[in-house]
Amino acid sequence: MLVKHAKMIVDRDYMISRIDPRIYSSFIEHLGRAVYGGIYEPDHPMADEQGFRRDVLEKVREIGVPLVRYPGGNFVSGFNWEDSVGPREQRPKRLDLAWFTTESNAVGMHEFADWAKKAGSDVMYAINLGTRGPEQARDVVEYANHKGGSKFSDMRIANGRKDPIGIKVWCLGNEMDGPWQMGRKTAYEYGRIANESAKMMKWVDPDIELVASGSSSSEMPTFGDWELTMLNECYENIDYVSLHRYYGNPTADTPGFLARTMDLDAFIHTVVSICDAVKGKKHLKKTVNLSFDEWNVWYHSHEQDNEIWKQEKWGPALPLLEDVYNFEDALLVGSMLITFLRNADRVKIACMAQLVNVIAPIMTRNGGGCWAQTIFYPYMHASRYGRGTSLRVLVDSPKYDCSDYTDVPYIDATATVDDAGNVTVFCVNRDMQEDYVLDVDLRSFEKLTLSEHILLHHDDVKAVNTEANPMNVAPAAGPGGTVKDGRAEIRIPALSWNVIRFTRA
């Protein structure tokens, strides 16, 4: 039987960039059961003294999430940050016009900062530039980060927190080009308000980093022009441009679905080109990088959500956007992570949206269990092993055509090297039928041995994990291979996610 081969050259001198660990970040929005019933459930048997679910915290720590974006999302465009601080019993309940629910504000800035510390994460805080503006942007930075002796820093101290929270990454609004957004802006309007907010925020705390809202999708008719116009107004005062991208597979076309990262790569390169064009136009040395602060698969729950809204509009913590992910979703998530690593020179932050219950790798049942969805595993593996430096590998793989793309490599792979000289190869085999032998040239490295091959595979592409069967789709030992004279041959099963770890002998 003829075995298919793909070739990969990994050279220690072909470096893309140091990997910013924040590309393994995530997102918690006041949406659905992400907060209430997700990270926070004070009546749960696993709740800690603050009401946070310890089982959820354990799962988050298992991934290793360096940064969590909060509190939105669409939610933030109508959010008054002052509602979420101070004594709980005095916090107002508000109608959330983004998701047609009622927000209790029981969990706010202080509580979330405490949760993030327990999770081993930092907070990436989004401000409201929909219904509010530069004044409130300045005030919330003062509240969170100023030591004391001013109105809002003293308010924080009076609310029980003497030391600053110390939030270093801030989002200047969310998806401000979207007609669904409260306070939608034109690109020029948004660029002006973002610039003035950024100036004032950095005057309060010069050490913060700021993310300007890029297009909510590359499919928006204003995509490209939005970035160009907006950056022309605020480039000097911001540090990152945000990108958001979700993929669906409503037609059950697995080859086409797994090729979506061709679009993702093009999206990244287009936004990089626009950033650099503005840099050149303005004759600046400063480089603006990318924050891919929303990304995931999202399509399973759309019909369910419409039914929930019909039956229970304005309820608290409605079970919205609770996609149940299958095995092929995990493969695409793996390829998306590979794409971020290939673009690590410009993608410095990436937030899987979201973290718990809402289009999430972690699911819970109110009063019940907590389990990992299929997409949990490639996310966890990349976060654990994809640290150090991203390498510019050369991959020679057979290709296929599908409904939307041509010349899609069956083998999608990249590699990283850590500070100890250990190499990790991440690989997705998109071929539904055939195993491959991946020939890996490692001769530029000191002697390496194959220490581990982690495999995620299931014979059913629609297989899912549930509370009753949480390990239905779970990592196992892969078939491995051989290493001789700096050359490895690794067996890559059909339709699989693979983590191949080489360590110095």
Protein backbone atom coordinates (compact mmCIF):
# COMPACT_ATOMS: atom_id res chain seq x y z
CA MET A 1 0.00 0.00 0.00
CA LEU A 2 1.34 3.41 -1.04
CA VAL A 3 1.69 5.75 1.93
CA LYS A 4 1.28 9.47 1.36
CA HIS A 5 4.11 11.73 2.47
CA ALA A 6 4.47 15.38 3.37
CA LYS A 7 7.77 17.12 4.01
CA MET A 8 8.63 19.74 6.60
CA ILE A 9 11.88 21.64 7.10
CA VAL A 10 12.38 23.12 10.57
CA ASP A 11 15.45 25.34 10.96
CA ARG A 12 16.39 27.08 14.19
CA ASP A 13 17.61 30.17 12.29
CA TYR A 14 14.35 30.70 10.40
CA MET A 15 12.59 32.63 13.12
CA ILE A 16 9.30 34.49 12.73
CA SER A 17 9.14 36.08 16.18
CA ARG A 18 9.08 35.48 19.88
CA ILE A 19 5.59 34.26 20.69
CA ASP A 20 3.60 36.64 22.85
CA PRO A 21 1.89 34.30 25.37
CA ARG A 22 -1.19 36.51 25.09
CA ILE A 23 -2.12 34.79 21.82
CA TYR A 24 -3.58 32.11 24.12
CA SER A 25 -5.98 34.54 25.79
CA SER A 26 -9.75 34.33 26.07
CA PHE A 27 -12.91 36.33 26.68
CA ILE A 28 -15.64 36.54 29.30
CA GLU A 29 -18.62 38.73 28.41
CA HIS A 30 -21.69 39.46 30.47
CA LEU A 31 -23.63 37.29 28.05
CA GLY A 32 -25.61 34.12 28.65
CA ARG A 33 -24.13 31.89 31.34
CA ALA A 34 -20.51 32.98 30.90
CA VAL A 35 -20.50 34.80 34.24
CA TYR A 36 -23.63 33.71 36.13
CA GLY A 37 -23.69 29.92 36.09
CA GLY A 38 -20.27 29.83 34.44
CA ILE A 39 -17.44 31.31 36.49
CA TYR A 40 -19.79 32.45 39.30
CA GLU A 41 -22.40 30.28 41.01
CA PRO A 42 -22.42 30.97 44.76
CA ASP A 43 -24.91 28.17 45.56
CA HIS A 44 -22.87 25.50 43.76
CA PRO A 45 -21.20 22.78 45.88
CA MET A 46 -17.86 23.69 44.27
CA ALA A 47 -18.19 27.44 44.93
CA ASP A 48 -15.40 29.14 46.86
CA GLU A 49 -15.81 31.86 49.50
CA GLN A 50 -16.49 34.45 46.77
CA GLY A 51 -18.96 32.31 44.84
CA PHE A 52 -16.57 31.29 42.05
CA ARG A 53 -16.73 27.71 40.82
CA ARG A 54 -13.51 25.95 41.73
CA ASP A 55 -14.04 23.28 39.07
CA VAL A 56 -14.17 25.97 36.38
CA LEU A 57 -11.06 27.65 37.77
CA GLU A 58 -9.22 24.33 37.59
CA LYS A 59 -10.11 23.95 33.90
CA VAL A 60 -9.02 27.51 33.12
CA ARG A 61 -5.71 26.97 34.90
CA GLU A 62 -5.30 23.70 33.00
CA ILE A 63 -5.31 25.67 29.73
CA GLY A 64 -3.04 28.44 31.01
CA VAL A 65 -4.93 31.57 29.94
CA PRO A 66 -2.68 34.65 30.26
CA LEU A 67 -5.27 37.37 29.56
CA VAL A 68 -9.08 37.52 29.64
CA ARG A 69 -11.04 40.21 27.81
CA TYR A 70 -13.94 41.61 29.85
CA PRO A 71 -16.86 42.65 30.15
CA GLY A 72 -17.73 42.64 26.42
CA GLY A 73 -18.31 42.36 23.51
CA ASN A 74 -21.56 43.95 22.37
CA PHE A 75 -22.55 44.23 26.03
CA VAL A 76 -19.94 46.91 26.69
CA SER A 77 -21.43 49.44 24.24
CA GLY A 78 -24.26 50.14 26.69
CA PHE A 79 -22.40 49.45 29.93
CA ASN A 80 -21.78 51.97 32.70
CA TRP A 81 -18.70 50.79 34.56
CA GLU A 82 -19.79 52.59 37.74
CA ASP A 83 -22.78 50.22 38.00
CA SER A 84 -20.40 47.32 38.65
CA VAL A 85 -18.49 48.69 41.66
CA GLY A 86 -19.43 49.51 45.24
CA PRO A 87 -21.68 47.55 47.60
CA ARG A 88 -23.52 44.77 45.76
CA GLU A 89 -26.87 45.65 47.28
CA GLN A 90 -26.61 49.16 45.85
CA ARG A 91 -25.71 48.15 42.30
CA PRO A 92 -28.53 48.76 39.80
CA LYS A 93 -30.09 46.12 37.59
CA ARG A 94 -29.96 47.18 33.95
CA LEU A 95 -31.58 46.05 30.72
CA ASP A 96 -28.85 44.82 28.39
CA LEU A 97 -29.90 45.89 24.89
CA ALA A 98 -27.14 43.85 23.27
CA TRP A 99 -28.48 40.44 24.33
CA PHE A 100 -32.00 41.34 25.57
CA THR A 101 -31.35 40.18 29.11
CA THR A 102 -31.24 41.82 32.53
CA GLU A 103 -27.84 42.43 34.11
CA SER A 104 -27.69 42.30 37.92
CA ASN A 105 -24.12 43.64 38.22
CA ALA A 106 -23.55 41.11 41.03
CA VAL A 107 -20.16 40.44 39.44
CA GLY A 108 -18.25 43.59 38.58
CA MET A 109 -14.75 44.93 38.16
CA HIS A 110 -13.46 44.03 41.63
CA GLU A 111 -14.91 40.53 41.59
CA PHE A 112 -13.67 39.79 38.10
CA ALA A 113 -10.17 41.00 38.95
CA ASP A 114 -10.20 38.62 41.94
CA TRP A 115 -11.39 35.77 39.71
CA ALA A 116 -8.70 36.47 37.12
CA LYS A 117 -5.99 36.37 39.78
CA LYS A 118 -7.26 33.00 40.96
CA ALA A 119 -7.24 31.78 37.35
CA GLY A 120 -3.66 32.95 36.82
CA SER A 121 -4.81 35.51 34.25
CA ASP A 122 -4.62 39.26 33.72
CA VAL A 123 -7.60 41.43 32.76
CA MET A 124 -8.07 43.04 29.35
CA TYR A 125 -10.79 45.62 30.00
CA ALA A 126 -13.09 46.96 27.30
CA ILE A 127 -14.54 50.46 27.64
CA ASN A 128 -17.84 51.79 26.33
CA LEU A 129 -17.32 54.01 23.29
CA GLY A 130 -20.86 53.40 22.06
CA THR A 131 -23.08 55.37 24.42
CA ARG A 132 -20.17 57.00 26.29
CA GLY A 133 -16.88 58.67 25.45
CA PRO A 134 -13.45 60.01 26.45
CA GLU A 135 -14.50 61.33 29.86
CA GLN A 136 -15.72 57.96 31.09
CA ALA A 137 -12.67 56.29 29.48
CA ARG A 138 -10.36 58.51 31.50
CA ASP A 139 -12.36 57.95 34.68
CA VAL A 140 -12.30 54.16 34.59
CA VAL A 141 -8.51 54.07 34.07
CA GLU A 142 -8.13 56.40 37.05
CA TYR A 143 -10.40 54.13 39.11
CA ALA A 144 -8.53 50.96 38.19
CA ASN A 145 -4.92 52.10 38.00
CA HIS A 146 -4.27 55.33 39.90
CA LYS A 147 -2.73 54.91 43.34
CA GLY A 148 -4.93 57.36 45.24
CA GLY A 149 -5.63 60.96 46.05
CA SER A 150 -8.14 61.59 43.25
CA LYS A 151 -11.90 61.23 42.92
CA PHE A 152 -12.04 57.85 41.24
CA SER A 153 -8.99 56.24 42.81
CA ASP A 154 -10.36 57.23 46.22
CA MET A 155 -13.70 55.72 45.19
CA ARG A 156 -11.90 52.42 44.56
CA ILE A 157 -10.23 52.63 47.96
CA ALA A 158 -13.59 53.36 49.61
CA ASN A 159 -14.96 50.29 47.81
CA GLY A 160 -12.43 48.10 49.60
CA ARG A 161 -9.41 47.96 47.33
CA LYS A 162 -6.48 50.05 48.50
CA ASP A 163 -4.00 48.97 45.83
CA PRO A 164 -4.67 49.63 42.13
CA ILE A 165 -6.12 46.79 40.10
CA GLY A 166 -3.42 47.48 37.52
CA ILE A 167 -5.16 46.72 34.21
CA LYS A 168 -2.61 47.13 31.42
CA VAL A 169 -4.54 46.26 28.22
CA TRP A 170 -7.69 48.18 27.28
CA CYS A 171 -10.09 47.82 24.32
CA LEU A 172 -11.42 51.08 22.88
CA GLY A 173 -15.00 49.91 22.38
CA ASN A 174 -16.22 46.91 20.43
CA GLU A 175 -17.27 46.34 16.79
CA MET A 176 -18.17 50.00 16.35
CA ASP A 177 -18.90 49.52 12.63
CA GLY A 178 -21.77 47.10 13.28
CA PRO A 179 -25.42 48.19 12.86
CA TRP A 180 -26.25 45.90 15.81
CA GLN A 181 -23.99 47.99 18.05
CA MET A 182 -25.30 50.57 20.50
CA GLY A 183 -23.80 53.91 19.52
CA ARG A 184 -22.54 52.73 16.12
CA LYS A 185 -20.04 55.12 14.54
CA THR A 186 -18.67 55.89 11.11
CA ALA A 187 -14.98 55.14 10.73
CA TYR A 188 -14.11 58.83 11.04
CA GLU A 189 -16.35 59.33 14.08
CA TYR A 190 -14.89 56.29 15.79
CA GLY A 191 -11.30 57.21 14.91
CA ARG A 192 -11.74 60.65 16.46
CA ILE A 193 -13.36 59.42 19.69
CA ALA A 194 -10.85 56.56 19.97
CA ASN A 195 -7.97 58.99 19.58
CA GLU A 196 -9.23 61.42 22.19
CA SER A 197 -10.01 58.58 24.60
CA ALA A 198 -6.59 57.05 24.04
CA LYS A 199 -4.80 60.34 24.71
CA MET A 200 -6.63 60.91 27.99
CA MET A 201 -6.28 57.30 29.14
CA LYS A 202 -2.53 57.34 28.54
CA TRP A 203 -2.22 60.69 30.29
CA VAL A 204 -3.68 58.98 33.37
CA ASP A 205 -1.47 55.88 32.97
CA PRO A 206 1.29 56.03 30.32
CA ASP A 207 2.07 52.32 30.73
CA ILE A 208 -1.21 50.95 29.38
CA GLU A 209 -1.68 49.37 25.93
CA LEU A 210 -4.71 50.20 23.80
CA VAL A 211 -6.62 48.19 21.20
CA ALA A 212 -8.61 50.09 18.56
CA SER A 213 -11.70 48.44 17.06
CA GLY A 214 -11.12 47.16 13.57
CA SER A 215 -13.88 45.87 11.33
CA SER A 216 -16.22 43.47 13.09
CA SER A 217 -15.74 41.10 10.16
CA SER A 218 -13.80 40.94 6.92
CA GLU A 219 -17.21 40.49 5.26
CA MET A 220 -18.38 43.97 6.27
CA PRO A 221 -18.81 46.20 3.18
CA THR A 222 -16.63 48.85 4.84
CA PHE A 223 -13.80 46.42 5.69
CA GLY A 224 -10.46 47.93 4.73
CA ASP A 225 -11.76 51.45 4.36
CA TRP A 226 -12.79 51.32 8.03
CA GLU A 227 -9.26 50.41 9.15
CA LEU A 228 -7.65 52.98 6.85
CA THR A 229 -9.90 55.86 7.93
CA MET A 230 -9.90 54.96 11.61
CA LEU A 231 -6.13 54.51 11.82
CA ASN A 232 -5.54 57.80 10.06
CA GLU A 233 -7.16 59.46 13.09
CA CYS A 234 -5.70 57.47 15.99
CA TYR A 235 -2.59 55.57 14.85
CA GLU A 236 -0.20 57.59 17.02
CA ASN A 237 -2.04 56.82 20.27
CA ILE A 238 -3.03 53.14 19.91
CA ASP A 239 -0.99 49.94 20.01
CA TYR A 240 -3.15 47.27 18.36
CA VAL A 241 -6.01 46.90 15.90
CA SER A 242 -8.63 44.30 16.75
CA LEU A 243 -9.79 41.56 14.40
CA HIS A 244 -12.85 39.33 14.94
CA ARG A 245 -13.59 36.14 13.01
CA TYR A 246 -16.02 33.26 13.46
CA TYR A 247 -16.52 30.31 11.15
CA GLY A 248 -19.50 28.03 10.62
CA ASN A 249 -20.25 24.84 8.73
CA PRO A 250 -24.02 24.79 8.16
CA THR A 251 -23.73 22.69 4.97
CA ALA A 252 -21.70 19.92 6.65
CA ASP A 253 -18.87 20.34 4.12
CA THR A 254 -15.91 19.11 6.15
CA PRO A 255 -13.15 19.74 3.55
CA GLY A 256 -14.45 23.26 2.91
CA PHE A 257 -14.86 23.95 6.61
CA LEU A 258 -11.31 22.89 7.44
CA ALA A 259 -10.00 25.17 4.69
CA ARG A 260 -11.37 28.33 6.38
CA THR A 261 -7.93 29.23 7.70
CA MET A 262 -7.02 30.22 4.14
CA ASP A 263 -9.42 33.11 4.74
CA LEU A 264 -8.00 33.75 8.21
CA ASP A 265 -4.47 34.10 6.88
CA ALA A 266 -5.60 36.49 4.14
CA PHE A 267 -7.56 38.56 6.70
CA ILE A 268 -4.46 38.96 8.87
CA HIS A 269 -2.23 39.94 5.96
CA THR A 270 -4.73 42.50 4.68
CA VAL A 271 -5.01 44.27 8.05
CA VAL A 272 -1.22 44.20 8.48
CA SER A 273 -0.88 45.85 5.06
CA ILE A 274 -3.30 48.63 6.01
CA CYS A 275 -1.55 49.25 9.33
CA ASP A 276 1.79 49.53 7.56
CA ALA A 277 0.33 51.78 4.85
CA VAL A 278 -0.80 54.26 7.50
CA LYS A 279 2.58 53.99 9.20
CA GLY A 280 4.25 54.86 5.90
CA LYS A 281 1.83 57.66 5.08
CA LYS A 282 2.50 59.29 8.46
CA HIS A 283 6.28 58.75 8.26
CA LEU A 284 6.29 56.99 11.63
CA LYS A 285 8.61 54.41 13.19
CA LYS A 286 5.96 52.95 15.45
CA THR A 287 4.43 49.62 14.37
CA VAL A 288 0.83 48.84 15.24
CA ASN A 289 0.25 45.12 15.76
CA LEU A 290 -2.87 42.97 15.84
CA SER A 291 -5.16 41.80 18.63
CA PHE A 292 -7.37 38.98 17.33
CA ASP A 293 -9.62 39.51 20.32
CA GLU A 294 -12.56 37.39 19.14
CA TRP A 295 -12.16 34.13 17.25
CA ASN A 296 -13.83 30.73 17.24
CA VAL A 297 -16.33 28.45 15.54
CA TRP A 298 -19.89 29.72 16.03
CA TYR A 299 -23.03 28.47 14.33
CA HIS A 300 -24.55 25.56 16.24
CA SER A 301 -26.74 27.61 18.61
CA HIS A 302 -28.36 30.19 16.31
CA GLU A 303 -31.82 28.59 16.05
CA GLN A 304 -31.85 27.69 19.74
CA ASP A 305 -31.06 31.30 20.70
CA ASN A 306 -33.93 32.66 18.61
CA GLU A 307 -36.34 30.33 20.43
CA ILE A 308 -35.01 31.40 23.84
CA TRP A 309 -35.54 35.07 23.03
CA LYS A 310 -39.09 34.36 21.86
CA GLN A 311 -39.94 32.66 25.14
CA GLU A 312 -37.96 34.60 27.75
CA LYS A 313 -36.78 38.04 26.69
CA TRP A 314 -35.13 40.10 29.49
CA GLY A 315 -34.49 37.12 31.74
CA PRO A 316 -31.21 36.97 33.71
CA ALA A 317 -28.33 34.80 32.46
CA LEU A 318 -30.28 33.15 29.63
CA PRO A 319 -28.55 30.06 28.15
CA LEU A 320 -27.46 31.80 24.95
CA LEU A 321 -24.77 30.88 22.39
CA GLU A 322 -24.22 27.47 23.98
CA ASP A 323 -22.66 25.79 20.98
CA VAL A 324 -21.95 22.09 21.48
CA TYR A 325 -18.70 21.55 19.62
CA ASN A 326 -17.85 18.44 17.63
CA PHE A 327 -14.60 16.85 16.52
CA GLU A 328 -14.28 18.72 13.21
CA ASP A 329 -14.70 22.02 15.11
CA ALA A 330 -11.63 21.07 17.15
CA LEU A 331 -9.64 20.50 13.97
CA LEU A 332 -10.46 23.96 12.65
CA VAL A 333 -9.61 25.51 16.02
CA GLY A 334 -6.26 23.74 15.81
CA SER A 335 -5.61 25.18 12.36
CA MET A 336 -6.60 28.65 13.56
CA LEU A 337 -4.02 28.39 16.34
CA ILE A 338 -1.43 27.26 13.80
CA THR A 339 -2.28 30.33 11.71
CA PHE A 340 -1.75 32.65 14.67
CA LEU A 341 1.65 31.07 15.33
CA ARG A 342 2.61 31.53 11.67
CA ASN A 343 1.78 35.23 12.08
CA ALA A 344 3.32 35.68 15.53
CA ASP A 345 5.36 38.65 14.32
CA ARG A 346 2.16 40.71 14.11
CA VAL A 347 -0.55 38.82 16.04
CA LYS A 348 0.38 39.57 19.64
CA ILE A 349 -2.98 39.00 21.37
CA ALA A 350 -5.69 36.48 20.45
CA CYS A 351 -8.77 35.78 22.57
CA MET A 352 -10.81 32.65 22.01
CA ALA A 353 -14.41 33.80 22.36
CA GLN A 354 -15.48 32.81 24.82
CA LEU A 355 -14.18 30.82 27.79
CA VAL A 356 -17.13 29.26 29.66
CA ASN A 357 -20.56 28.15 28.35
CA VAL A 358 -20.87 30.84 25.65
CA ILE A 359 -19.24 29.45 22.44
CA ALA A 360 -16.69 28.04 24.83
CA PRO A 361 -14.15 25.27 25.43
CA ILE A 362 -15.50 24.78 28.97
CA MET A 363 -19.13 23.89 29.73
CA THR A 364 -21.04 23.70 33.00
CA ARG A 365 -24.46 22.72 34.23
CA ASN A 366 -26.05 24.93 36.86
CA GLY A 367 -25.69 23.00 40.09
CA GLY A 368 -23.90 20.22 38.22
CA GLY A 369 -20.74 19.26 36.43
CA CYS A 370 -18.02 20.97 34.44
CA TRP A 371 -16.44 19.41 31.35
CA ALA A 372 -14.13 20.13 28.43
CA GLN A 373 -15.56 20.47 24.94
CA THR A 374 -13.65 19.16 21.92
CA ILE A 375 -12.09 22.56 21.17
CA PHE A 376 -10.56 22.66 24.65
CA TYR A 377 -7.75 20.32 23.67
CA PRO A 378 -5.98 22.06 20.77
CA TYR A 379 -6.33 25.33 22.70
CA MET A 380 -4.77 23.79 25.81
CA HIS A 381 -2.00 22.08 23.83
CA ALA A 382 -1.00 25.25 21.99
CA SER A 383 -0.98 27.26 25.21
CA ARG A 384 1.11 24.67 27.04
CA TYR A 385 3.62 23.80 24.35
CA GLY A 386 3.54 26.71 21.88
CA ARG A 387 5.80 29.00 23.89
CA GLY A 388 9.17 30.50 22.98
CA THR A 389 9.81 31.34 19.32
CA SER A 390 7.69 30.69 16.26
CA LEU A 391 9.66 29.20 13.38
CA ARG A 392 9.17 29.79 9.66
CA VAL A 393 8.83 26.20 8.49
CA LEU A 394 8.68 24.94 4.93
CA VAL A 395 5.89 22.41 4.37
CA ASP A 396 5.48 20.47 1.13
CA SER A 397 2.10 18.74 1.17
CA PRO A 398 -0.36 17.40 -1.38
CA LYS A 399 -3.25 19.82 -1.89
CA TYR A 400 -6.98 19.76 -2.63
CA ASP A 401 -9.64 22.08 -4.00
CA CYS A 402 -13.01 22.71 -2.34
CA SER A 403 -16.05 24.93 -2.81
CA ASP A 404 -14.36 28.20 -1.75
CA TYR A 405 -10.61 27.58 -2.00
CA THR A 406 -8.01 26.00 -4.23
CA ASP A 407 -4.63 24.49 -3.36
CA VAL A 408 -5.47 23.76 0.26
CA PRO A 409 -2.64 21.76 1.88
CA TYR A 410 -3.81 18.48 3.39
CA ILE A 411 -1.10 18.88 6.04
CA ASP A 412 -1.35 22.16 7.93
CA ALA A 413 1.65 22.46 10.24
CA THR A 414 3.99 24.80 12.05
CA ALA A 415 6.68 24.57 14.71
CA THR A 416 8.00 26.37 17.77
CA VAL A 417 11.23 26.16 19.75
CA ASP A 418 11.43 26.91 23.45
CA ASP A 419 14.31 28.50 25.32
CA ALA A 420 15.80 25.09 26.17
CA GLY A 421 16.01 24.15 22.48
CA ASN A 422 13.06 21.75 22.49
CA VAL A 423 10.93 21.74 19.32
CA THR A 424 7.16 21.26 19.09
CA VAL A 425 5.36 20.58 15.81
CA PHE A 426 1.63 21.31 15.62
CA CYS A 427 -0.12 19.58 12.74
CA VAL A 428 -3.63 19.06 11.37
CA ASN A 429 -4.26 16.38 8.76
CA ARG A 430 -7.26 17.60 6.73
CA ASP A 431 -7.46 14.42 4.66
CA MET A 432 -10.62 12.52 5.60
CA GLN A 433 -9.34 9.17 4.34
CA GLU A 434 -5.56 8.93 4.25
CA ASP A 435 -2.83 8.77 6.85
CA TYR A 436 0.40 10.60 6.06
CA VAL A 437 4.01 10.19 6.98
CA LEU A 438 5.40 13.61 7.89
CA ASP A 439 9.11 13.77 7.07
CA VAL A 440 10.60 16.41 9.38
CA ASP A 441 14.09 17.77 8.72
CA LEU A 442 15.57 18.80 12.10
CA ARG A 443 19.25 18.75 11.18
CA SER A 444 19.90 22.37 12.21
CA PHE A 445 19.22 21.50 15.84
CA GLU A 446 21.35 19.72 18.34
CA LYS A 447 20.38 16.09 18.69
CA LEU A 448 16.64 15.76 19.33
CA THR A 449 14.60 12.76 20.38
CA LEU A 450 10.89 12.19 19.92
CA SER A 451 9.51 12.55 23.45
CA GLU A 452 5.75 12.62 22.84
CA HIS A 453 3.11 12.43 20.14
CA ILE A 454 -0.30 13.67 21.29
CA LEU A 455 -3.21 12.80 19.01
CA LEU A 456 -6.80 14.03 18.89
CA HIS A 457 -8.94 11.90 16.59
CA HIS A 458 -12.40 10.40 16.37
CA ASP A 459 -13.94 8.29 13.63
CA ASP A 460 -17.09 10.43 13.74
CA VAL A 461 -16.48 14.07 12.73
CA LYS A 462 -19.69 15.04 14.54
CA ALA A 463 -18.70 13.40 17.85
CA VAL A 464 -19.12 15.63 20.92
CA ASN A 465 -18.31 15.63 24.62
CA THR A 466 -21.10 15.79 27.20
CA GLU A 467 -21.38 15.86 30.96
CA ALA A 468 -22.30 12.16 30.85
CA ASN A 469 -19.49 11.31 28.42
CA PRO A 470 -16.84 14.02 28.84
CA MET A 471 -13.97 12.01 27.33
CA ASN A 472 -15.68 10.91 24.13
CA VAL A 473 -13.29 13.12 22.14
CA ALA A 474 -10.05 13.33 24.09
CA PRO A 475 -6.30 13.25 23.48
CA ALA A 476 -4.46 9.96 23.31
CA ALA A 477 -0.96 8.81 22.47
CA GLY A 478 -0.27 9.09 18.76
CA PRO A 479 1.50 6.48 16.63
CA GLY A 480 4.76 8.42 16.82
CA GLY A 481 7.64 7.52 14.54
CA THR A 482 11.40 7.54 14.29
CA VAL A 483 14.25 10.05 14.47
CA LYS A 484 17.59 9.28 12.83
CA ASP A 485 20.43 11.62 11.89
CA GLY A 486 18.29 14.70 12.39
CA ARG A 487 15.39 13.42 10.29
CA ALA A 488 12.06 12.32 11.74
CA GLU A 489 9.29 10.28 10.19
CA ILE A 490 6.00 10.70 12.06
CA ARG A 491 2.75 8.95 11.26
CA ILE A 492 -0.13 11.46 11.04
CA PRO A 493 -3.53 9.73 11.04
CA ALA A 494 -6.32 10.87 8.74
CA LEU A 495 -8.40 13.78 10.04
CA SER A 496 -6.43 14.51 13.20
CA TRP A 497 -4.85 17.14 15.43
CA ASN A 498 -1.26 16.31 16.40
CA VAL A 499 1.29 17.69 18.85
CA ILE A 500 4.75 16.23 18.22
CA ARG A 501 7.34 17.11 20.85
CA PHE A 502 11.07 16.75 20.26
CA THR A 503 13.41 17.26 23.21
CA ARG A 504 17.16 17.63 23.37
CA ALA A 505 18.88 14.36 24.00
